[in-house]
Amino acid sequence: MHPSEEDVLNLSGKAWKPIPRVARTIPFGYQVDPEDDKVLIPVLFELEALEQAKKHLKNGHSLRNVAAWLSGVTERRISHNGLKKRVDIERRRTTKAVSLKKWANIYKDSLEKAKALEEKLGKDTSSIEAALAEL
């Protein structure tokens, strides 16, 4: 029996939001919105259990055991391969986001240095200011 969303605390502190449906398969932790089949709404209990499952994986438990535990707790089946795929995709997204933020900061610092040099030389800095405004 699933507890209602009101009964489950948001232990991870994440703000779960609806996402667009881009494939036929419904990802673990989401269900089709009954009002719009092109939107997936989060199932808080499953997403929180998935966060807990990731902690179990970090603690050295096997994918098969964690997938079996997750399936038992949520009453929604997920294979060890499905769990691995989900964890790997999230890890890649996180790594990519961190890298993009780092490169954006480097770009911003370079633009600020270029602007300072251009101002020192008395040149027009409007194009640099426009680029900085886009960040």
N, C-alpha and C. Protein backbone atom coordinates (compact mmCIF):
# COMPACT_ATOMS: atom_id res chain seq x y z
N MET A 1 0.83 -1.18 0.00
CA MET A 1 0.00 0.00 0.00
C MET A 1 0.88 1.24 0.00
N HIS A 2 0.59 2.17 -0.92
CA HIS A 2 1.37 3.40 -1.02
C HIS A 2 0.85 4.44 -0.04
N PRO A 3 1.76 5.08 0.71
CA PRO A 3 1.31 6.20 1.52
C PRO A 3 0.99 7.37 0.60
N SER A 4 0.10 8.25 1.03
CA SER A 4 -0.22 9.41 0.21
C SER A 4 0.95 10.38 0.24
N GLU A 5 0.98 11.31 -0.71
CA GLU A 5 2.07 12.27 -0.76
C GLU A 5 2.14 13.12 0.50
N GLU A 6 1.00 13.36 1.13
CA GLU A 6 1.00 14.14 2.36
C GLU A 6 1.67 13.39 3.50
N ASP A 7 1.67 12.05 3.45
CA ASP A 7 2.24 11.24 4.50
C ASP A 7 3.76 11.10 4.38
N VAL A 8 4.30 11.45 3.22
CA VAL A 8 5.73 11.26 2.98
C VAL A 8 6.44 12.60 3.11
N LEU A 9 7.48 12.63 3.91
CA LEU A 9 8.28 13.84 4.03
C LEU A 9 9.22 13.94 2.84
N ASN A 10 9.49 15.13 2.42
CA ASN A 10 10.45 15.36 1.35
C ASN A 10 11.84 15.34 1.98
N LEU A 11 12.38 14.15 2.19
CA LEU A 11 13.62 13.97 2.92
C LEU A 11 14.84 14.51 2.18
N SER A 12 14.82 14.45 0.86
CA SER A 12 15.99 14.89 0.09
C SER A 12 16.05 16.41 -0.03
N GLY A 13 14.94 17.08 0.23
CA GLY A 13 14.93 18.54 0.12
C GLY A 13 14.83 19.04 -1.31
N LYS A 14 14.63 18.13 -2.25
CA LYS A 14 14.52 18.53 -3.66
C LYS A 14 13.11 18.97 -3.97
N ALA A 15 13.00 19.89 -4.89
CA ALA A 15 11.69 20.34 -5.36
C ALA A 15 11.35 19.55 -6.62
N TRP A 16 10.55 18.55 -6.47
CA TRP A 16 10.18 17.70 -7.61
C TRP A 16 9.12 18.43 -8.43
N LYS A 17 9.32 18.48 -9.74
CA LYS A 17 8.41 19.21 -10.62
C LYS A 17 7.96 18.32 -11.77
N PRO A 18 6.82 18.63 -12.36
CA PRO A 18 6.40 17.90 -13.56
C PRO A 18 7.42 18.09 -14.69
N ILE A 19 7.53 17.07 -15.52
CA ILE A 19 8.45 17.13 -16.65
C ILE A 19 7.69 16.77 -17.93
N PRO A 20 8.20 17.22 -19.09
CA PRO A 20 7.53 16.84 -20.34
C PRO A 20 7.81 15.38 -20.67
N ARG A 21 6.84 14.74 -21.27
CA ARG A 21 7.00 13.35 -21.70
C ARG A 21 7.64 13.36 -23.07
N VAL A 22 8.82 12.74 -23.19
CA VAL A 22 9.54 12.74 -24.45
C VAL A 22 9.69 11.35 -25.05
N ALA A 23 9.31 10.33 -24.31
CA ALA A 23 9.44 8.97 -24.81
C ALA A 23 8.23 8.15 -24.38
N ARG A 24 8.15 6.97 -24.91
CA ARG A 24 7.04 6.08 -24.58
C ARG A 24 7.15 5.55 -23.16
N THR A 25 8.39 5.29 -22.73
CA THR A 25 8.62 4.75 -21.40
C THR A 25 8.45 5.83 -20.34
N ILE A 26 7.77 5.49 -19.26
CA ILE A 26 7.57 6.42 -18.16
C ILE A 26 8.70 6.18 -17.16
N PRO A 27 9.53 7.19 -16.87
CA PRO A 27 10.64 6.97 -15.95
C PRO A 27 10.17 6.66 -14.53
N PHE A 28 10.99 5.90 -13.84
CA PHE A 28 10.70 5.55 -12.45
C PHE A 28 10.58 6.84 -11.65
N GLY A 29 9.52 6.93 -10.87
CA GLY A 29 9.31 8.12 -10.05
C GLY A 29 8.33 9.11 -10.66
N TYR A 30 7.81 8.78 -11.82
CA TYR A 30 6.85 9.67 -12.50
C TYR A 30 5.66 8.86 -12.99
N GLN A 31 4.55 9.55 -13.19
CA GLN A 31 3.37 8.93 -13.78
C GLN A 31 2.74 9.95 -14.75
N VAL A 32 1.97 9.44 -15.67
CA VAL A 32 1.33 10.31 -16.67
C VAL A 32 0.26 11.16 -15.99
N ASP A 33 0.27 12.43 -16.31
CA ASP A 33 -0.75 13.35 -15.80
C ASP A 33 -2.09 12.96 -16.40
N PRO A 34 -3.12 12.72 -15.58
CA PRO A 34 -4.41 12.30 -16.12
C PRO A 34 -5.07 13.36 -17.00
N GLU A 35 -4.69 14.61 -16.84
CA GLU A 35 -5.29 15.69 -17.63
C GLU A 35 -4.53 15.96 -18.92
N ASP A 36 -3.24 15.60 -18.98
CA ASP A 36 -2.42 15.86 -20.16
C ASP A 36 -1.39 14.74 -20.30
N ASP A 37 -1.56 13.88 -21.31
CA ASP A 37 -0.67 12.73 -21.44
C ASP A 37 0.72 13.09 -21.94
N LYS A 38 0.99 14.36 -22.19
CA LYS A 38 2.32 14.79 -22.61
C LYS A 38 3.13 15.35 -21.43
N VAL A 39 2.57 15.23 -20.24
CA VAL A 39 3.23 15.70 -19.02
C VAL A 39 3.31 14.55 -18.03
N LEU A 40 4.47 14.45 -17.37
CA LEU A 40 4.67 13.45 -16.33
C LEU A 40 4.73 14.17 -14.99
N ILE A 41 3.96 13.67 -14.04
CA ILE A 41 3.96 14.28 -12.72
C ILE A 41 4.76 13.41 -11.76
N PRO A 42 5.47 14.04 -10.83
CA PRO A 42 6.32 13.27 -9.93
C PRO A 42 5.50 12.47 -8.92
N VAL A 43 6.01 11.28 -8.61
CA VAL A 43 5.45 10.46 -7.54
C VAL A 43 6.46 10.58 -6.39
N LEU A 44 6.14 11.42 -5.44
CA LEU A 44 7.06 11.79 -4.38
C LEU A 44 7.65 10.59 -3.67
N PHE A 45 6.82 9.63 -3.32
CA PHE A 45 7.29 8.45 -2.59
C PHE A 45 8.36 7.69 -3.38
N GLU A 46 8.12 7.50 -4.67
CA GLU A 46 9.09 6.76 -5.50
C GLU A 46 10.39 7.55 -5.67
N LEU A 47 10.29 8.86 -5.87
CA LEU A 47 11.49 9.66 -6.06
C LEU A 47 12.33 9.72 -4.78
N GLU A 48 11.67 9.81 -3.65
CA GLU A 48 12.41 9.81 -2.38
C GLU A 48 13.06 8.44 -2.14
N ALA A 49 12.36 7.37 -2.48
CA ALA A 49 12.94 6.03 -2.36
C ALA A 49 14.13 5.87 -3.30
N LEU A 50 14.03 6.46 -4.49
CA LEU A 50 15.15 6.41 -5.45
C LEU A 50 16.36 7.15 -4.89
N GLU A 51 16.14 8.27 -4.23
CA GLU A 51 17.25 9.00 -3.60
C GLU A 51 17.91 8.13 -2.53
N GLN A 52 17.09 7.43 -1.77
CA GLN A 52 17.61 6.52 -0.74
C GLN A 52 18.39 5.38 -1.40
N ALA A 53 17.88 4.89 -2.52
CA ALA A 53 18.55 3.80 -3.24
C ALA A 53 19.94 4.25 -3.71
N LYS A 54 20.05 5.49 -4.15
CA LYS A 54 21.36 6.00 -4.58
C LYS A 54 22.34 6.01 -3.41
N LYS A 55 21.84 6.32 -2.22
CA LYS A 55 22.70 6.29 -1.03
C LYS A 55 23.16 4.87 -0.75
N HIS A 56 22.26 3.89 -0.92
CA HIS A 56 22.63 2.48 -0.72
C HIS A 56 23.72 2.07 -1.71
N LEU A 57 23.60 2.53 -2.96
CA LEU A 57 24.63 2.22 -3.96
C LEU A 57 25.97 2.82 -3.57
N LYS A 58 25.96 4.05 -3.07
CA LYS A 58 27.21 4.69 -2.65
C LYS A 58 27.84 3.95 -1.48
N ASN A 59 27.00 3.32 -0.66
CA ASN A 59 27.51 2.56 0.49
C ASN A 59 28.00 1.17 0.11
N GLY A 60 27.99 0.85 -1.18
CA GLY A 60 28.59 -0.39 -1.65
C GLY A 60 27.64 -1.54 -1.88
N HIS A 61 26.34 -1.33 -1.76
CA HIS A 61 25.38 -2.40 -2.03
C HIS A 61 25.30 -2.64 -3.54
N SER A 62 24.99 -3.86 -3.93
CA SER A 62 24.96 -4.21 -5.35
C SER A 62 23.72 -3.62 -6.04
N LEU A 63 23.84 -3.43 -7.33
CA LEU A 63 22.72 -2.92 -8.12
C LEU A 63 21.51 -3.84 -8.02
N ARG A 64 21.75 -5.14 -8.10
CA ARG A 64 20.64 -6.10 -8.04
C ARG A 64 19.91 -6.03 -6.69
N ASN A 65 20.66 -5.95 -5.61
CA ASN A 65 20.04 -5.89 -4.29
C ASN A 65 19.28 -4.58 -4.09
N VAL A 66 19.87 -3.49 -4.53
CA VAL A 66 19.21 -2.19 -4.37
C VAL A 66 17.97 -2.12 -5.24
N ALA A 67 18.05 -2.64 -6.47
CA ALA A 67 16.87 -2.64 -7.35
C ALA A 67 15.75 -3.50 -6.74
N ALA A 68 16.11 -4.63 -6.15
CA ALA A 68 15.10 -5.49 -5.51
C ALA A 68 14.49 -4.76 -4.31
N TRP A 69 15.33 -4.10 -3.52
CA TRP A 69 14.82 -3.34 -2.37
C TRP A 69 13.87 -2.23 -2.83
N LEU A 70 14.29 -1.48 -3.87
CA LEU A 70 13.49 -0.37 -4.38
C LEU A 70 12.16 -0.86 -4.93
N SER A 71 12.18 -1.97 -5.64
CA SER A 71 10.93 -2.55 -6.17
C SER A 71 10.01 -2.99 -5.04
N GLY A 72 10.57 -3.55 -3.99
CA GLY A 72 9.77 -3.99 -2.86
C GLY A 72 9.16 -2.84 -2.09
N VAL A 73 9.93 -1.79 -1.88
CA VAL A 73 9.46 -0.64 -1.10
C VAL A 73 8.38 0.13 -1.85
N THR A 74 8.59 0.34 -3.14
CA THR A 74 7.68 1.19 -3.91
C THR A 74 6.55 0.42 -4.59
N GLU A 75 6.69 -0.90 -4.66
CA GLU A 75 5.74 -1.74 -5.39
C GLU A 75 5.68 -1.40 -6.88
N ARG A 76 6.75 -0.82 -7.37
CA ARG A 76 6.90 -0.55 -8.81
C ARG A 76 8.22 -1.17 -9.24
N ARG A 77 8.16 -2.04 -10.21
CA ARG A 77 9.34 -2.79 -10.62
C ARG A 77 10.35 -1.91 -11.32
N ILE A 78 11.61 -2.11 -10.93
CA ILE A 78 12.73 -1.52 -11.65
C ILE A 78 13.84 -2.57 -11.66
N SER A 79 14.38 -2.83 -12.84
CA SER A 79 15.45 -3.83 -12.96
C SER A 79 16.77 -3.20 -12.53
N HIS A 80 17.77 -4.04 -12.32
CA HIS A 80 19.08 -3.50 -11.97
C HIS A 80 19.65 -2.67 -13.12
N ASN A 81 19.35 -3.11 -14.36
CA ASN A 81 19.81 -2.33 -15.52
C ASN A 81 19.10 -0.97 -15.60
N GLY A 82 17.81 -0.98 -15.30
CA GLY A 82 17.05 0.28 -15.30
C GLY A 82 17.56 1.24 -14.24
N LEU A 83 17.88 0.70 -13.07
CA LEU A 83 18.41 1.53 -11.99
C LEU A 83 19.77 2.09 -12.38
N LYS A 84 20.62 1.24 -12.96
CA LYS A 84 21.95 1.70 -13.39
C LYS A 84 21.83 2.81 -14.42
N LYS A 85 20.94 2.61 -15.38
CA LYS A 85 20.74 3.61 -16.42
C LYS A 85 20.28 4.93 -15.82
N ARG A 86 19.32 4.88 -14.90
CA ARG A 86 18.79 6.08 -14.26
C ARG A 86 19.87 6.82 -13.47
N VAL A 87 20.67 6.07 -12.71
CA VAL A 87 21.74 6.67 -11.90
C VAL A 87 22.82 7.26 -12.81
N ASP A 88 23.19 6.53 -13.86
CA ASP A 88 24.23 7.01 -14.78
C ASP A 88 23.80 8.28 -15.51
N ILE A 89 22.54 8.35 -15.95
CA ILE A 89 22.04 9.54 -16.64
C ILE A 89 22.08 10.74 -15.71
N GLU A 90 21.63 10.56 -14.47
CA GLU A 90 21.65 11.66 -13.51
C GLU A 90 23.08 12.11 -13.21
N ARG A 91 23.99 11.16 -13.11
CA ARG A 91 25.38 11.49 -12.85
C ARG A 91 25.98 12.29 -14.01
N ARG A 92 25.68 11.87 -15.25
CA ARG A 92 26.18 12.60 -16.42
C ARG A 92 25.62 14.01 -16.47
N ARG A 93 24.33 14.14 -16.18
CA ARG A 93 23.71 15.47 -16.19
C ARG A 93 24.34 16.38 -15.15
N THR A 94 24.58 15.83 -13.96
CA THR A 94 25.18 16.62 -12.88
C THR A 94 26.59 17.04 -13.26
N THR A 95 27.37 16.10 -13.79
CA THR A 95 28.75 16.41 -14.19
C THR A 95 28.76 17.46 -15.29
N LYS A 96 27.86 17.32 -16.26
CA LYS A 96 27.79 18.27 -17.36
C LYS A 96 27.40 19.65 -16.85
N ALA A 97 26.43 19.72 -15.94
CA ALA A 97 25.99 21.00 -15.40
C ALA A 97 27.12 21.69 -14.65
N VAL A 98 27.87 20.93 -13.86
CA VAL A 98 28.99 21.50 -13.11
C VAL A 98 30.04 22.04 -14.08
N SER A 99 30.34 21.27 -15.13
CA SER A 99 31.33 21.71 -16.11
C SER A 99 30.88 22.97 -16.84
N LEU A 100 29.61 23.02 -17.23
CA LEU A 100 29.10 24.19 -17.93
C LEU A 100 29.13 25.43 -17.04
N LYS A 101 28.80 25.27 -15.77
CA LYS A 101 28.87 26.41 -14.84
C LYS A 101 30.30 26.89 -14.69
N LYS A 102 31.23 25.94 -14.60
CA LYS A 102 32.64 26.30 -14.47
C LYS A 102 33.12 27.08 -15.70
N TRP A 103 32.78 26.59 -16.89
CA TRP A 103 33.18 27.27 -18.12
C TRP A 103 32.51 28.64 -18.24
N ALA A 104 31.27 28.76 -17.80
CA ALA A 104 30.59 30.05 -17.83
C ALA A 104 31.29 31.06 -16.93
N ASN A 105 31.74 30.62 -15.76
CA ASN A 105 32.47 31.51 -14.86
C ASN A 105 33.81 31.93 -15.44
N ILE A 106 34.50 31.00 -16.09
CA ILE A 106 35.77 31.33 -16.75
C ILE A 106 35.54 32.34 -17.87
N TYR A 107 34.49 32.12 -18.65
CA TYR A 107 34.13 33.03 -19.74
C TYR A 107 33.81 34.42 -19.20
N LYS A 108 33.05 34.48 -18.12
CA LYS A 108 32.68 35.76 -17.52
C LYS A 108 33.92 36.49 -17.01
N ASP A 109 34.82 35.77 -16.33
CA ASP A 109 36.06 36.39 -15.85
C ASP A 109 36.89 36.93 -17.00
N SER A 110 36.97 36.17 -18.08
CA SER A 110 37.73 36.62 -19.26
C SER A 110 37.11 37.88 -19.86
N LEU A 111 35.79 37.92 -19.95
CA LEU A 111 35.12 39.10 -20.49
C LEU A 111 35.36 40.33 -19.61
N GLU A 112 35.33 40.13 -18.29
CA GLU A 112 35.57 41.25 -17.39
C GLU A 112 36.99 41.77 -17.52
N LYS A 113 37.97 40.88 -17.68
CA LYS A 113 39.36 41.29 -17.89
C LYS A 113 39.51 42.02 -19.22
N ALA A 114 38.86 41.51 -20.26
CA ALA A 114 38.92 42.16 -21.57
C ALA A 114 38.28 43.55 -21.51
N LYS A 115 37.19 43.67 -20.79
CA LYS A 115 36.52 44.97 -20.64
C LYS A 115 37.44 45.96 -19.93
N ALA A 116 38.10 45.49 -18.87
CA ALA A 116 39.01 46.37 -18.13
C ALA A 116 40.15 46.83 -19.03
N LEU A 117 40.69 45.94 -19.84
CA LEU A 117 41.77 46.31 -20.76
C LEU A 117 41.29 47.31 -21.82
N GLU A 118 40.10 47.04 -22.36
CA GLU A 118 39.55 47.94 -23.38
C GLU A 118 39.29 49.33 -22.80
N GLU A 119 38.79 49.39 -21.57
CA GLU A 119 38.55 50.68 -20.93
C GLU A 119 39.86 51.41 -20.68
N LYS A 120 40.88 50.66 -20.29
CA LYS A 120 42.21 51.24 -20.04
C LYS A 120 42.78 51.85 -21.32
N LEU A 121 42.50 51.19 -22.44
CA LEU A 121 42.99 51.67 -23.74
C LEU A 121 42.04 52.70 -24.35
N GLY A 122 40.91 52.94 -23.72
CA GLY A 122 39.96 53.93 -24.21
C GLY A 122 39.15 53.47 -25.41
N LYS A 123 38.94 52.19 -25.52
CA LYS A 123 38.20 51.65 -26.66
C LYS A 123 36.75 51.37 -26.28
N ASP A 124 35.94 51.13 -27.29
CA ASP A 124 34.51 50.84 -27.09
C ASP A 124 34.34 49.47 -26.44
N THR A 125 33.54 49.42 -25.37
CA THR A 125 33.32 48.16 -24.65
C THR A 125 31.87 47.68 -24.78
N SER A 126 31.12 48.25 -25.70
CA SER A 126 29.70 47.90 -25.79
C SER A 126 29.47 46.43 -26.14
N SER A 127 30.30 45.86 -27.00
CA SER A 127 30.11 44.46 -27.37
C SER A 127 30.43 43.54 -26.19
N ILE A 128 31.42 43.91 -25.40
CA ILE A 128 31.76 43.11 -24.22
C ILE A 128 30.66 43.23 -23.17
N GLU A 129 30.12 44.45 -22.99
CA GLU A 129 29.03 44.65 -22.05
C GLU A 129 27.80 43.87 -22.46
N ALA A 130 27.53 43.78 -23.76
CA ALA A 130 26.40 43.00 -24.25
C ALA A 130 26.58 41.52 -23.96
N ALA A 131 27.81 41.03 -24.15
CA ALA A 131 28.11 39.63 -23.87
C ALA A 131 27.97 39.33 -22.36
N LEU A 132 28.42 40.26 -21.54
CA LEU A 132 28.29 40.10 -20.09
C LEU A 132 26.83 40.12 -19.66
N ALA A 133 26.02 40.92 -20.32
CA ALA A 133 24.61 41.02 -19.97
C ALA A 133 23.87 39.70 -20.29
N GLU A 134 24.35 38.96 -21.28
CA GLU A 134 23.74 37.69 -21.64
C GLU A 134 23.99 36.62 -20.59
N LEU A 135 25.05 36.79 -19.81
CA LEU A 135 25.34 35.81 -18.77
C LEU A 135 24.46 36.10 -17.62
